[in-house]
PDB file of N, CA and C in Angstrom:
ATOM      1  N   MET A   1       0.845  -1.170   0.000  1.00  0.00           N
ATOM      2  CA  MET A   1       0.000   0.000   0.000  1.00  0.00           C
ATOM      3  C   MET A   1       0.891   1.235   0.000  1.00  0.00           C
ATOM      4  N   GLY A   2       0.699   2.143  -0.968  1.00  0.00           N
ATOM      5  CA  GLY A   2       1.494   3.354  -1.037  1.00  0.00           C
ATOM      6  C   GLY A   2       1.045   4.361   0.001  1.00  0.00           C
ATOM      7  N   GLU A   3       1.887   5.387   0.232  1.00  0.00           N
ATOM      8  CA  GLU A   3       1.577   6.392   1.245  1.00  0.00           C
ATOM      9  C   GLU A   3       0.260   7.089   0.959  1.00  0.00           C
ATOM     10  N   GLY A   4      -0.034   7.364  -0.312  1.00  0.00           N
ATOM     11  CA  GLY A   4      -1.277   8.009  -0.684  1.00  0.00           C
ATOM     12  C   GLY A   4      -2.497   7.128  -0.519  1.00  0.00           C
ATOM     13  N   ASP A   5      -2.278   5.829  -0.330  1.00  0.00           N
ATOM     14  CA  ASP A   5      -3.383   4.893  -0.190  1.00  0.00           C
ATOM     15  C   ASP A   5      -3.844   4.732   1.252  1.00  0.00           C
ATOM     16  N   VAL A   6      -3.278   5.500   2.164  1.00  0.00           N
ATOM     17  CA  VAL A   6      -3.630   5.373   3.572  1.00  0.00           C
ATOM     18  C   VAL A   6      -4.988   6.028   3.816  1.00  0.00           C
ATOM     19  N   PRO A   7      -5.956   5.254   4.316  1.00  0.00           N
ATOM     20  CA  PRO A   7      -7.256   5.876   4.577  1.00  0.00           C
ATOM     21  C   PRO A   7      -7.222   6.721   5.854  1.00  0.00           C
ATOM     22  N   LEU A   8      -7.870   7.893   5.788  1.00  0.00           N
ATOM     23  CA  LEU A   8      -8.070   8.696   6.997  1.00  0.00           C
ATOM     24  C   LEU A   8      -9.109   8.023   7.880  1.00  0.00           C
ATOM     25  N   TRP A   9     -10.128   7.470   7.228  1.00  0.00           N
ATOM     26  CA  TRP A   9     -11.161   6.727   7.932  1.00  0.00           C
ATOM     27  C   TRP A   9     -11.897   5.817   6.969  1.00  0.00           C
ATOM     28  N   VAL A  10     -12.630   4.891   7.566  1.00  0.00           N
ATOM     29  CA  VAL A  10     -13.513   3.988   6.826  1.00  0.00           C
ATOM     30  C   VAL A  10     -14.844   3.993   7.567  1.00  0.00           C
ATOM     31  N   VAL A  11     -15.942   4.192   6.825  1.00  0.00           N
ATOM     32  CA  VAL A  11     -17.281   4.161   7.416  1.00  0.00           C
ATOM     33  C   VAL A  11     -18.151   3.210   6.603  1.00  0.00           C
ATOM     34  N   ARG A  12     -19.324   2.930   7.138  1.00  0.00           N
ATOM     35  CA  ARG A  12     -20.314   2.126   6.415  1.00  0.00           C
ATOM     36  C   ARG A  12     -21.552   2.976   6.207  1.00  0.00           C
ATOM     37  N   ASP A  13     -22.079   2.934   4.978  1.00  0.00           N
ATOM     38  CA  ASP A  13     -23.292   3.701   4.685  1.00  0.00           C
ATOM     39  C   ASP A  13     -24.528   2.901   5.068  1.00  0.00           C
ATOM     40  N   ARG A  14     -25.696   3.429   4.757  1.00  0.00           N
ATOM     41  CA  ARG A  14     -26.962   2.800   5.165  1.00  0.00           C
ATOM     42  C   ARG A  14     -27.185   1.441   4.511  1.00  0.00           C
ATOM     43  N   TRP A  15     -26.457   1.132   3.445  1.00  0.00           N
ATOM     44  CA  TRP A  15     -26.542  -0.167   2.780  1.00  0.00           C
ATOM     45  C   TRP A  15     -25.398  -1.081   3.200  1.00  0.00           C
ATOM     46  N   ASP A  16     -24.687  -0.689   4.247  1.00  0.00           N
ATOM     47  CA  ASP A  16     -23.576  -1.444   4.830  1.00  0.00           C
ATOM     48  C   ASP A  16     -22.390  -1.591   3.874  1.00  0.00           C
ATOM     49  N   ARG A  17     -22.251  -0.633   2.971  1.00  0.00           N
ATOM     50  CA  ARG A  17     -21.093  -0.624   2.077  1.00  0.00           C
ATOM     51  C   ARG A  17     -19.947   0.116   2.753  1.00  0.00           C
ATOM     52  N   GLU A  18     -18.757  -0.388   2.597  1.00  0.00           N
ATOM     53  CA  GLU A  18     -17.573   0.231   3.182  1.00  0.00           C
ATOM     54  C   GLU A  18     -17.097   1.371   2.286  1.00  0.00           C
ATOM     55  N   ILE A  19     -16.955   2.561   2.874  1.00  0.00           N
ATOM     56  CA  ILE A  19     -16.496   3.732   2.124  1.00  0.00           C
ATOM     57  C   ILE A  19     -15.272   4.302   2.819  1.00  0.00           C
ATOM     58  N   ARG A  20     -14.205   4.521   2.027  1.00  0.00           N
ATOM     59  CA  ARG A  20     -12.940   5.023   2.545  1.00  0.00           C
ATOM     60  C   ARG A  20     -12.679   6.447   2.059  1.00  0.00           C
ATOM     61  N   LEU A  21     -12.033   7.223   2.904  1.00  0.00           N
ATOM     62  CA  LEU A  21     -11.488   8.513   2.495  1.00  0.00           C
ATOM     63  C   LEU A  21      -9.980   8.414   2.631  1.00  0.00           C
ATOM     64  N   HIS A  22      -9.268   8.502   1.508  1.00  0.00           N
ATOM     65  CA  HIS A  22      -7.809   8.396   1.508  1.00  0.00           C
ATOM     66  C   HIS A  22      -7.159   9.752   1.758  1.00  0.00           C
ATOM     67  N   GLU A  23      -5.999   9.719   2.391  1.00  0.00           N
ATOM     68  CA  GLU A  23      -5.257  10.942   2.716  1.00  0.00           C
ATOM     69  C   GLU A  23      -4.976  11.786   1.478  1.00  0.00           C
ATOM     70  N   ASP A  24      -4.561  11.163   0.375  1.00  0.00           N
ATOM     71  CA  ASP A  24      -4.218  11.963  -0.806  1.00  0.00           C
ATOM     72  C   ASP A  24      -5.445  12.683  -1.366  1.00  0.00           C
ATOM     73  N   ILE A  25      -6.592  12.052  -1.363  1.00  0.00           N
ATOM     74  CA  ILE A  25      -7.815  12.713  -1.839  1.00  0.00           C
ATOM     75  C   ILE A  25      -8.169  13.871  -0.902  1.00  0.00           C
ATOM     76  N   TRP A  26      -8.077  13.645   0.402  1.00  0.00           N
ATOM     77  CA  TRP A  26      -8.419  14.688   1.362  1.00  0.00           C
ATOM     78  C   TRP A  26      -7.468  15.879   1.254  1.00  0.00           C
ATOM     79  N   TYR A  27      -6.174  15.632   1.392  1.00  0.00           N
ATOM     80  CA  TYR A  27      -5.206  16.734   1.463  1.00  0.00           C
ATOM     81  C   TYR A  27      -4.856  17.332   0.094  1.00  0.00           C
ATOM     82  N   ASP A  28      -4.760  16.505  -0.937  1.00  0.00           N
ATOM     83  CA  ASP A  28      -4.289  16.982  -2.235  1.00  0.00           C
ATOM     84  C   ASP A  28      -5.418  17.393  -3.182  1.00  0.00           C
ATOM     85  N   HIS A  29      -6.644  17.083  -2.839  1.00  0.00           N
ATOM     86  CA  HIS A  29      -7.762  17.462  -3.706  1.00  0.00           C
ATOM     87  C   HIS A  29      -8.816  18.274  -2.940  1.00  0.00           C
ATOM     88  N   ILE A  30      -9.442  17.663  -1.953  1.00  0.00           N
ATOM     89  CA  ILE A  30     -10.582  18.301  -1.284  1.00  0.00           C
ATOM     90  C   ILE A  30     -10.158  19.557  -0.530  1.00  0.00           C
ATOM     91  N   VAL A  31      -9.166  19.463   0.328  1.00  0.00           N
ATOM     92  CA  VAL A  31      -8.764  20.619   1.134  1.00  0.00           C
ATOM     93  C   VAL A  31      -8.179  21.726   0.260  1.00  0.00           C
ATOM     94  N   ILE A  32      -7.412  21.370  -0.754  1.00  0.00           N
ATOM     95  CA  ILE A  32      -6.835  22.384  -1.643  1.00  0.00           C
ATOM     96  C   ILE A  32      -7.919  23.076  -2.467  1.00  0.00           C
ATOM     97  N   GLY A  33      -8.860  22.322  -2.997  1.00  0.00           N
ATOM     98  CA  GLY A  33      -9.892  22.896  -3.852  1.00  0.00           C
ATOM     99  C   GLY A  33     -11.088  23.473  -3.119  1.00  0.00           C
ATOM    100  N   HIS A  34     -11.291  23.045  -1.883  1.00  0.00           N
ATOM    101  CA  HIS A  34     -12.475  23.450  -1.113  1.00  0.00           C
ATOM    102  C   HIS A  34     -12.030  23.764   0.312  1.00  0.00           C
ATOM    103  N   ARG A  35     -11.337  24.876   0.468  1.00  0.00           N
ATOM    104  CA  ARG A  35     -10.690  25.232   1.738  1.00  0.00           C
ATOM    105  C   ARG A  35     -11.657  25.320   2.915  1.00  0.00           C
ATOM    106  N   SER A  36     -12.926  25.591   2.647  1.00  0.00           N
ATOM    107  CA  SER A  36     -13.897  25.684   3.740  1.00  0.00           C
ATOM    108  C   SER A  36     -14.094  24.342   4.448  1.00  0.00           C
ATOM    109  N   LEU A  37     -13.647  23.251   3.829  1.00  0.00           N
ATOM    110  CA  LEU A  37     -13.794  21.928   4.454  1.00  0.00           C
ATOM    111  C   LEU A  37     -12.589  21.524   5.305  1.00  0.00           C
ATOM    112  N   ARG A  38     -11.538  22.345   5.319  1.00  0.00           N
ATOM    113  CA  ARG A  38     -10.366  22.037   6.148  1.00  0.00           C
ATOM    114  C   ARG A  38     -10.822  21.783   7.583  1.00  0.00           C
ATOM    115  N   ASP A  39     -10.329  20.727   8.187  1.00  0.00           N
ATOM    116  CA  ASP A  39     -10.661  20.316   9.561  1.00  0.00           C
ATOM    117  C   ASP A  39     -12.097  19.804   9.714  1.00  0.00           C
ATOM    118  N   HIS A  40     -12.754  19.494   8.614  1.00  0.00           N
ATOM    119  CA  HIS A  40     -14.134  18.994   8.684  1.00  0.00           C
ATOM    120  C   HIS A  40     -14.278  17.603   8.074  1.00  0.00           C
ATOM    121  N   GLU A  41     -13.216  16.797   8.148  1.00  0.00           N
ATOM    122  CA  GLU A  41     -13.321  15.443   7.593  1.00  0.00           C
ATOM    123  C   GLU A  41     -14.342  14.590   8.337  1.00  0.00           C
ATOM    124  N   ALA A  42     -14.578  14.870   9.620  1.00  0.00           N
ATOM    125  CA  ALA A  42     -15.607  14.130  10.364  1.00  0.00           C
ATOM    126  C   ALA A  42     -17.001  14.456   9.825  1.00  0.00           C
ATOM    127  N   ALA A  43     -17.209  15.686   9.368  1.00  0.00           N
ATOM    128  CA  ALA A  43     -18.503  16.052   8.784  1.00  0.00           C
ATOM    129  C   ALA A  43     -18.744  15.276   7.494  1.00  0.00           C
ATOM    130  N   VAL A  44     -17.690  15.067   6.715  1.00  0.00           N
ATOM    131  CA  VAL A  44     -17.803  14.267   5.489  1.00  0.00           C
ATOM    132  C   VAL A  44     -18.248  12.850   5.837  1.00  0.00           C
ATOM    133  N   ALA A  45     -17.657  12.273   6.862  1.00  0.00           N
ATOM    134  CA  ALA A  45     -18.039  10.927   7.299  1.00  0.00           C
ATOM    135  C   ALA A  45     -19.501  10.888   7.730  1.00  0.00           C
ATOM    136  N   ARG A  46     -19.964  11.919   8.445  1.00  0.00           N
ATOM    137  CA  ARG A  46     -21.364  11.960   8.906  1.00  0.00           C
ATOM    138  C   ARG A  46     -22.348  12.028   7.746  1.00  0.00           C
ATOM    139  N   VAL A  47     -21.980  12.717   6.680  1.00  0.00           N
ATOM    140  CA  VAL A  47     -22.864  12.771   5.508  1.00  0.00           C
ATOM    141  C   VAL A  47     -23.072  11.366   4.956  1.00  0.00           C
ATOM    142  N   LEU A  48     -22.024  10.561   4.954  1.00  0.00           N
ATOM    143  CA  LEU A  48     -22.119   9.203   4.418  1.00  0.00           C
ATOM    144  C   LEU A  48     -22.919   8.277   5.323  1.00  0.00           C
ATOM    145  N   THR A  49     -22.806   8.442   6.622  1.00  0.00           N
ATOM    146  CA  THR A  49     -23.515   7.550   7.545  1.00  0.00           C
ATOM    147  C   THR A  49     -24.933   8.016   7.847  1.00  0.00           C
ATOM    148  N   ASN A  50     -25.206   9.308   7.613  1.00  0.00           N
ATOM    149  CA  ASN A  50     -26.526   9.854   7.925  1.00  0.00           C
ATOM    150  C   ASN A  50     -26.914  10.913   6.888  1.00  0.00           C
ATOM    151  N   PRO A  51     -27.120  10.514   5.630  1.00  0.00           N
ATOM    152  CA  PRO A  51     -27.411  11.481   4.583  1.00  0.00           C
ATOM    153  C   PRO A  51     -28.857  11.978   4.616  1.00  0.00           C
ATOM    154  N   TYR A  52     -29.060  13.150   4.040  1.00  0.00           N
ATOM    155  CA  TYR A  52     -30.408  13.669   3.791  1.00  0.00           C
ATOM    156  C   TYR A  52     -30.947  13.048   2.510  1.00  0.00           C
ATOM    157  N   ARG A  53     -30.075  12.940   1.508  1.00  0.00           N
ATOM    158  CA  ARG A  53     -30.457  12.372   0.218  1.00  0.00           C
ATOM    159  C   ARG A  53     -29.240  11.716  -0.420  1.00  0.00           C
ATOM    160  N   VAL A  54     -29.496  10.649  -1.190  1.00  0.00           N
ATOM    161  CA  VAL A  54     -28.452   9.980  -1.967  1.00  0.00           C
ATOM    162  C   VAL A  54     -28.952   9.906  -3.404  1.00  0.00           C
ATOM    163  N   THR A  55     -28.077  10.274  -4.343  1.00  0.00           N
ATOM    164  CA  THR A  55     -28.447  10.256  -5.757  1.00  0.00           C
ATOM    165  C   THR A  55     -27.415   9.464  -6.556  1.00  0.00           C
ATOM    166  N   HIS A  56     -27.827   9.068  -7.742  1.00  0.00           N
ATOM    167  CA  HIS A  56     -26.903   8.473  -8.704  1.00  0.00           C
ATOM    168  C   HIS A  56     -26.253   9.633  -9.446  1.00  0.00           C
ATOM    169  N   ASP A  57     -24.951   9.608  -9.604  1.00  0.00           N
ATOM    170  CA  ASP A  57     -24.235  10.677 -10.292  1.00  0.00           C
ATOM    171  C   ASP A  57     -24.759  10.830 -11.714  1.00  0.00           C
ATOM    172  N   ALA A  58     -24.840  12.067 -12.183  1.00  0.00           N
ATOM    173  CA  ALA A  58     -25.396  12.350 -13.512  1.00  0.00           C
ATOM    174  C   ALA A  58     -24.489  11.887 -14.647  1.00  0.00           C
ATOM    175  N   LEU A  59     -23.185  11.774 -14.390  1.00  0.00           N
ATOM    176  CA  LEU A  59     -22.239  11.454 -15.462  1.00  0.00           C
ATOM    177  C   LEU A  59     -21.572  10.093 -15.353  1.00  0.00           C
ATOM    178  N   HIS A  60     -21.468   9.547 -14.144  1.00  0.00           N
ATOM    179  CA  HIS A  60     -20.714   8.309 -13.932  1.00  0.00           C
ATOM    180  C   HIS A  60     -21.598   7.242 -13.286  1.00  0.00           C
ATOM    181  N   ASP A  61     -21.774   6.118 -13.965  1.00  0.00           N
ATOM    182  CA  ASP A  61     -22.654   5.048 -13.472  1.00  0.00           C
ATOM    183  C   ASP A  61     -22.195   4.437 -12.158  1.00  0.00           C
ATOM    184  N   ASN A  62     -20.890   4.464 -11.878  1.00  0.00           N
ATOM    185  CA  ASN A  62     -20.375   3.818 -10.673  1.00  0.00           C
ATOM    186  C   ASN A  62     -20.185   4.799  -9.511  1.00  0.00           C
ATOM    187  N   ARG A  63     -20.809   5.977  -9.592  1.00  0.00           N
ATOM    188  CA  ARG A  63     -20.692   6.980  -8.529  1.00  0.00           C
ATOM    189  C   ARG A  63     -22.056   7.332  -7.961  1.00  0.00           C
ATOM    190  N   GLU A  64     -22.042   7.625  -6.663  1.00  0.00           N
ATOM    191  CA  GLU A  64     -23.230   8.119  -5.976  1.00  0.00           C
ATOM    192  C   GLU A  64     -22.860   9.374  -5.205  1.00  0.00           C
ATOM    193  N   CYS A  65     -23.852  10.239  -5.006  1.00  0.00           N
ATOM    194  CA  CYS A  65     -23.641  11.504  -4.326  1.00  0.00           C
ATOM    195  C   CYS A  65     -24.517  11.549  -3.075  1.00  0.00           C
ATOM    196  N   TYR A  66     -23.888  11.878  -1.962  1.00  0.00           N
ATOM    197  CA  TYR A  66     -24.555  11.953  -0.668  1.00  0.00           C
ATOM    198  C   TYR A  66     -24.652  13.432  -0.285  1.00  0.00           C
ATOM    199  N   TYR A  67     -25.812  13.841   0.222  1.00  0.00           N
ATOM    200  CA  TYR A  67     -26.040  15.235   0.576  1.00  0.00           C
ATOM    201  C   TYR A  67     -26.544  15.352   2.010  1.00  0.00           C
ATOM    202  N   ARG A  68     -26.147  16.434   2.668  1.00  0.00           N
ATOM    203  CA  ARG A  68     -26.697  16.753   3.988  1.00  0.00           C
ATOM    204  C   ARG A  68     -26.475  18.236   4.275  1.00  0.00           C
ATOM    205  N   GLN A  69     -27.531  18.909   4.738  1.00  0.00           N
ATOM    206  CA  GLN A  69     -27.417  20.302   5.182  1.00  0.00           C
ATOM    207  C   GLN A  69     -27.003  20.347   6.643  1.00  0.00           C
ATOM    208  N   ARG A  70     -26.681  21.540   7.111  1.00  0.00           N
ATOM    209  CA  ARG A  70     -26.278  21.764   8.496  1.00  0.00           C
ATOM    210  C   ARG A  70     -25.086  20.904   8.897  1.00  0.00           C
ATOM    211  N   SER A  71     -24.200  20.664   7.936  1.00  0.00           N
ATOM    212  CA  SER A  71     -22.998  19.868   8.190  1.00  0.00           C
ATOM    213  C   SER A  71     -21.784  20.743   8.460  1.00  0.00           C
ATOM    214  N   HIS A  72     -21.858  22.014   8.060  1.00  0.00           N
ATOM    215  CA  HIS A  72     -20.737  22.927   8.231  1.00  0.00           C
ATOM    216  C   HIS A  72     -21.174  24.068   9.144  1.00  0.00           C
ATOM    217  N   PRO A  73     -20.438  24.338  10.218  1.00  0.00           N
ATOM    218  CA  PRO A  73     -20.878  25.358  11.177  1.00  0.00           C
ATOM    219  C   PRO A  73     -20.973  26.777  10.602  1.00  0.00           C
ATOM    220  N   ARG A  74     -20.157  27.117   9.620  1.00  0.00           N
ATOM    221  CA  ARG A  74     -20.193  28.463   9.041  1.00  0.00           C
ATOM    222  C   ARG A  74     -21.215  28.607   7.918  1.00  0.00           C
ATOM    223  N   TYR A  75     -21.616  27.477   7.315  1.00  0.00           N
ATOM    224  CA  TYR A  75     -22.535  27.515   6.173  1.00  0.00           C
ATOM    225  C   TYR A  75     -23.654  26.484   6.346  1.00  0.00           C
ATOM    226  N   PRO A  76     -24.472  26.620   7.389  1.00  0.00           N
ATOM    227  CA  PRO A  76     -25.491  25.590   7.666  1.00  0.00           C
ATOM    228  C   PRO A  76     -26.558  25.474   6.589  1.00  0.00           C
ATOM    229  N   GLU A  77     -26.762  26.546   5.805  1.00  0.00           N
ATOM    230  CA  GLU A  77     -27.797  26.516   4.772  1.00  0.00           C
ATOM    231  C   GLU A  77     -27.370  25.722   3.545  1.00  0.00           C
ATOM    232  N   LEU A  78     -26.070  25.482   3.396  1.00  0.00           N
ATOM    233  CA  LEU A  78     -25.570  24.753   2.232  1.00  0.00           C
ATOM    234  C   LEU A  78     -25.551  23.247   2.482  1.00  0.00           C
ATOM    235  N   PHE A  79     -25.666  22.505   1.394  1.00  0.00           N
ATOM    236  CA  PHE A  79     -25.500  21.056   1.468  1.00  0.00           C
ATOM    237  C   PHE A  79     -24.016  20.733   1.398  1.00  0.00           C
ATOM    238  N   LEU A  80     -23.585  19.775   2.186  1.00  0.00           N
ATOM    239  CA  LEU A  80     -22.275  19.176   1.996  1.00  0.00           C
ATOM    240  C   LEU A  80     -22.519  17.980   1.077  1.00  0.00           C
ATOM    241  N   LYS A  81     -21.919  18.009  -0.094  1.00  0.00           N
ATOM    242  CA  LYS A  81     -22.072  16.950  -1.086  1.00  0.00           C
ATOM    243  C   LYS A  81     -20.801  16.111  -1.084  1.00  0.00           C
ATOM    244  N   VAL A  82     -20.966  14.801  -0.969  1.00  0.00           N
ATOM    245  CA  VAL A  82     -19.834  13.880  -0.971  1.00  0.00           C
ATOM    246  C   VAL A  82     -20.059  12.882  -2.096  1.00  0.00           C
ATOM    247  N   CYS A  83     -19.108  12.818  -3.030  1.00  0.00           N
ATOM    248  CA  CYS A  83     -19.194  11.907  -4.166  1.00  0.00           C
ATOM    249  C   CYS A  83     -18.328  10.678  -3.900  1.00  0.00           C
ATOM    250  N   VAL A  84     -18.928   9.519  -4.115  1.00  0.00           N
ATOM    251  CA  VAL A  84     -18.258   8.250  -3.845  1.00  0.00           C
ATOM    252  C   VAL A  84     -18.233   7.425  -5.124  1.00  0.00           C
ATOM    253  N   GLU A  85     -17.078   6.888  -5.433  1.00  0.00           N
ATOM    254  CA  GLU A  85     -16.942   5.976  -6.571  1.00  0.00           C
ATOM    255  C   GLU A  85     -16.864   4.562  -6.025  1.00  0.00           C
ATOM    256  N   PHE A  86     -17.746   3.697  -6.518  1.00  0.00           N
ATOM    257  CA  PHE A  86     -17.810   2.318  -6.048  1.00  0.00           C
ATOM    258  C   PHE A  86     -17.082   1.406  -7.019  1.00  0.00           C
ATOM    259  N   GLU A  87     -16.074   0.698  -6.490  1.00  0.00           N
ATOM    260  CA  GLU A  87     -15.352  -0.272  -7.317  1.00  0.00           C
ATOM    261  C   GLU A  87     -16.026  -1.635  -7.276  1.00  0.00           C
ATOM    262  N   SER A  88     -16.954  -1.818  -6.352  1.00  0.00           N
ATOM    263  CA  SER A  88     -17.761  -3.033  -6.281  1.00  0.00           C
ATOM    264  C   SER A  88     -19.079  -2.658  -5.627  1.00  0.00           C
ATOM    265  N   GLU A  89     -19.989  -3.603  -5.505  1.00  0.00           N
ATOM    266  CA  GLU A  89     -21.269  -3.295  -4.864  1.00  0.00           C
ATOM    267  C   GLU A  89     -21.133  -3.183  -3.351  1.00  0.00           C
ATOM    268  N   TYR A  90     -19.944  -3.505  -2.817  1.00  0.00           N
ATOM    269  CA  TYR A  90     -19.735  -3.496  -1.369  1.00  0.00           C
ATOM    270  C   TYR A  90     -18.756  -2.444  -0.872  1.00  0.00           C
ATOM    271  N   ALA A  91     -18.008  -1.782  -1.770  1.00  0.00           N
ATOM    272  CA  ALA A  91     -16.963  -0.870  -1.318  1.00  0.00           C
ATOM    273  C   ALA A  91     -16.758   0.275  -2.298  1.00  0.00           C
ATOM    274  N   GLY A  92     -16.451   1.441  -1.727  1.00  0.00           N
ATOM    275  CA  GLY A  92     -16.189   2.614  -2.542  1.00  0.00           C
ATOM    276  C   GLY A  92     -15.242   3.554  -1.840  1.00  0.00           C
ATOM    277  N   GLU A  93     -14.882   4.630  -2.557  1.00  0.00           N
ATOM    278  CA  GLU A  93     -14.027   5.629  -1.942  1.00  0.00           C
ATOM    279  C   GLU A  93     -14.497   7.025  -2.318  1.00  0.00           C
ATOM    280  N   VAL A  94     -14.312   7.930  -1.377  1.00  0.00           N
ATOM    281  CA  VAL A  94     -14.664   9.329  -1.594  1.00  0.00           C
ATOM    282  C   VAL A  94     -13.737   9.876  -2.673  1.00  0.00           C
ATOM    283  N   ILE A  95     -14.321  10.535  -3.674  1.00  0.00           N
ATOM    284  CA  ILE A  95     -13.489  11.149  -4.706  1.00  0.00           C
ATOM    285  C   ILE A  95     -13.494  12.670  -4.597  1.00  0.00           C
ATOM    286  N   THR A  96     -14.554  13.245  -4.006  1.00  0.00           N
ATOM    287  CA  THR A  96     -14.575  14.679  -3.746  1.00  0.00           C
ATOM    288  C   THR A  96     -15.668  14.991  -2.732  1.00  0.00           C
ATOM    289  N   ALA A  97     -15.582  16.192  -2.177  1.00  0.00           N
ATOM    290  CA  ALA A  97     -16.597  16.704  -1.259  1.00  0.00           C
ATOM    291  C   ALA A  97     -16.554  18.220  -1.342  1.00  0.00           C
ATOM    292  N   PHE A  98     -17.732  18.844  -1.309  1.00  0.00           N
ATOM    293  CA  PHE A  98     -17.786  20.302  -1.392  1.00  0.00           C
ATOM    294  C   PHE A  98     -19.154  20.794  -0.951  1.00  0.00           C
ATOM    295  N   LEU A  99     -19.240  22.084  -0.686  1.00  0.00           N
ATOM    296  CA  LEU A  99     -20.501  22.711  -0.311  1.00  0.00           C
ATOM    297  C   LEU A  99     -21.226  23.170  -1.569  1.00  0.00           C
ATOM    298  N   THR A 100     -22.552  23.036  -1.563  1.00  0.00           N
ATOM    299  CA  THR A 100     -23.364  23.417  -2.715  1.00  0.00           C
ATOM    300  C   THR A 100     -24.729  23.901  -2.221  1.00  0.00           C
ATOM    301  N   PRO A 101     -25.358  24.818  -2.934  1.00  0.00           N
ATOM    302  CA  PRO A 101     -26.651  25.337  -2.475  1.00  0.00           C
ATOM    303  C   PRO A 101     -27.840  24.399  -2.685  1.00  0.00           C
ATOM    304  N   LYS A 102     -27.682  23.381  -3.553  1.00  0.00           N
ATOM    305  CA  LYS A 102     -28.842  22.519  -3.834  1.00  0.00           C
ATOM    306  C   LYS A 102     -28.389  21.145  -4.332  1.00  0.00           C
ATOM    307  N   VAL A 103     -29.329  20.225  -4.334  1.00  0.00           N
ATOM    308  CA  VAL A 103     -29.117  18.905  -4.913  1.00  0.00           C
ATOM    309  C   VAL A 103     -29.115  19.072  -6.426  1.00  0.00           C
ATOM    310  N   HIS A 104     -28.163  18.484  -7.084  1.00  0.00           N
ATOM    311  CA  HIS A 104     -28.008  18.616  -8.540  1.00  0.00           C
ATOM    312  C   HIS A 104     -29.262  18.076  -9.237  1.00  0.00           C
ATOM    313  N   SER A 105     -29.859  18.872 -10.111  1.00  0.00           N
ATOM    314  CA  SER A 105     -31.143  18.512 -10.732  1.00  0.00           C
ATOM    315  C   SER A 105     -31.049  17.368 -11.737  1.00  0.00           C
ATOM    316  N   GLU A 106     -29.873  17.090 -12.281  1.00  0.00           N
ATOM    317  CA  GLU A 106     -29.746  16.008 -13.266  1.00  0.00           C
ATOM    318  C   GLU A 106     -29.417  14.659 -12.643  1.00  0.00           C
ATOM    319  N   GLU A 107     -29.248  14.626 -11.333  1.00  0.00           N
ATOM    320  CA  GLU A 107     -28.973  13.359 -10.646  1.00  0.00           C
ATOM    321  C   GLU A 107     -30.288  12.665 -10.313  1.00  0.00           C
ATOM    322  N   VAL A 108     -30.305  11.353 -10.427  1.00  0.00           N
ATOM    323  CA  VAL A 108     -31.503  10.568 -10.138  1.00  0.00           C
ATOM    324  C   VAL A 108     -31.459  10.139  -8.673  1.00  0.00           C
ATOM    325  N   GLN A 109     -32.545  10.421  -7.977  1.00  0.00           N
ATOM    326  CA  GLN A 109     -32.603  10.116  -6.543  1.00  0.00           C
ATOM    327  C   GLN A 109     -32.568   8.608  -6.311  1.00  0.00           C
ATOM    328  N   ARG A 110     -31.713   8.194  -5.388  1.00  0.00           N
ATOM    329  CA  ARG A 110     -31.657   6.800  -4.960  1.00  0.00           C
ATOM    330  C   ARG A 110     -32.372   6.612  -3.640  1.00  0.00           C
ATOM    331  N   TRP A 111     -32.179   7.537  -2.711  1.00  0.00           N
ATOM    332  CA  TRP A 111     -32.766   7.448  -1.375  1.00  0.00           C
ATOM    333  C   TRP A 111     -33.007   8.840  -0.850  1.00  0.00           C
ATOM    334  N   PRO A 112     -34.016   9.174  -0.098  1.00  0.00           N
ATOM    335  CA  PRO A 112     -35.100   8.277   0.297  1.00  0.00           C
ATOM    336  C   PRO A 112     -36.079   8.095  -0.838  1.00  0.00           C
TER     337      PRO A 112
END
């Protein structure tokens, strides 16, 4: 396992799928591109374990998007969106996370 492959955490979603957040994705992508999420990796995990809505990604068949409001203390009105790419029906990894004002209209709702 390479240094970039080290997971910061592993959680299970409502379908008992294992989802990992790797250090390289967190530090080299999410925190750099979305500075408001710095020090909020636990909030990302909470979105996955207790989402408001889950959708199928509009562009990628093997990705799902998890949404939850009131996840960020400075921006409670915004949704924290976490995109997960599934390499199997049982496991996936976070590929990005960011704040957004709404659920993407072209995504198909999976849950609830």
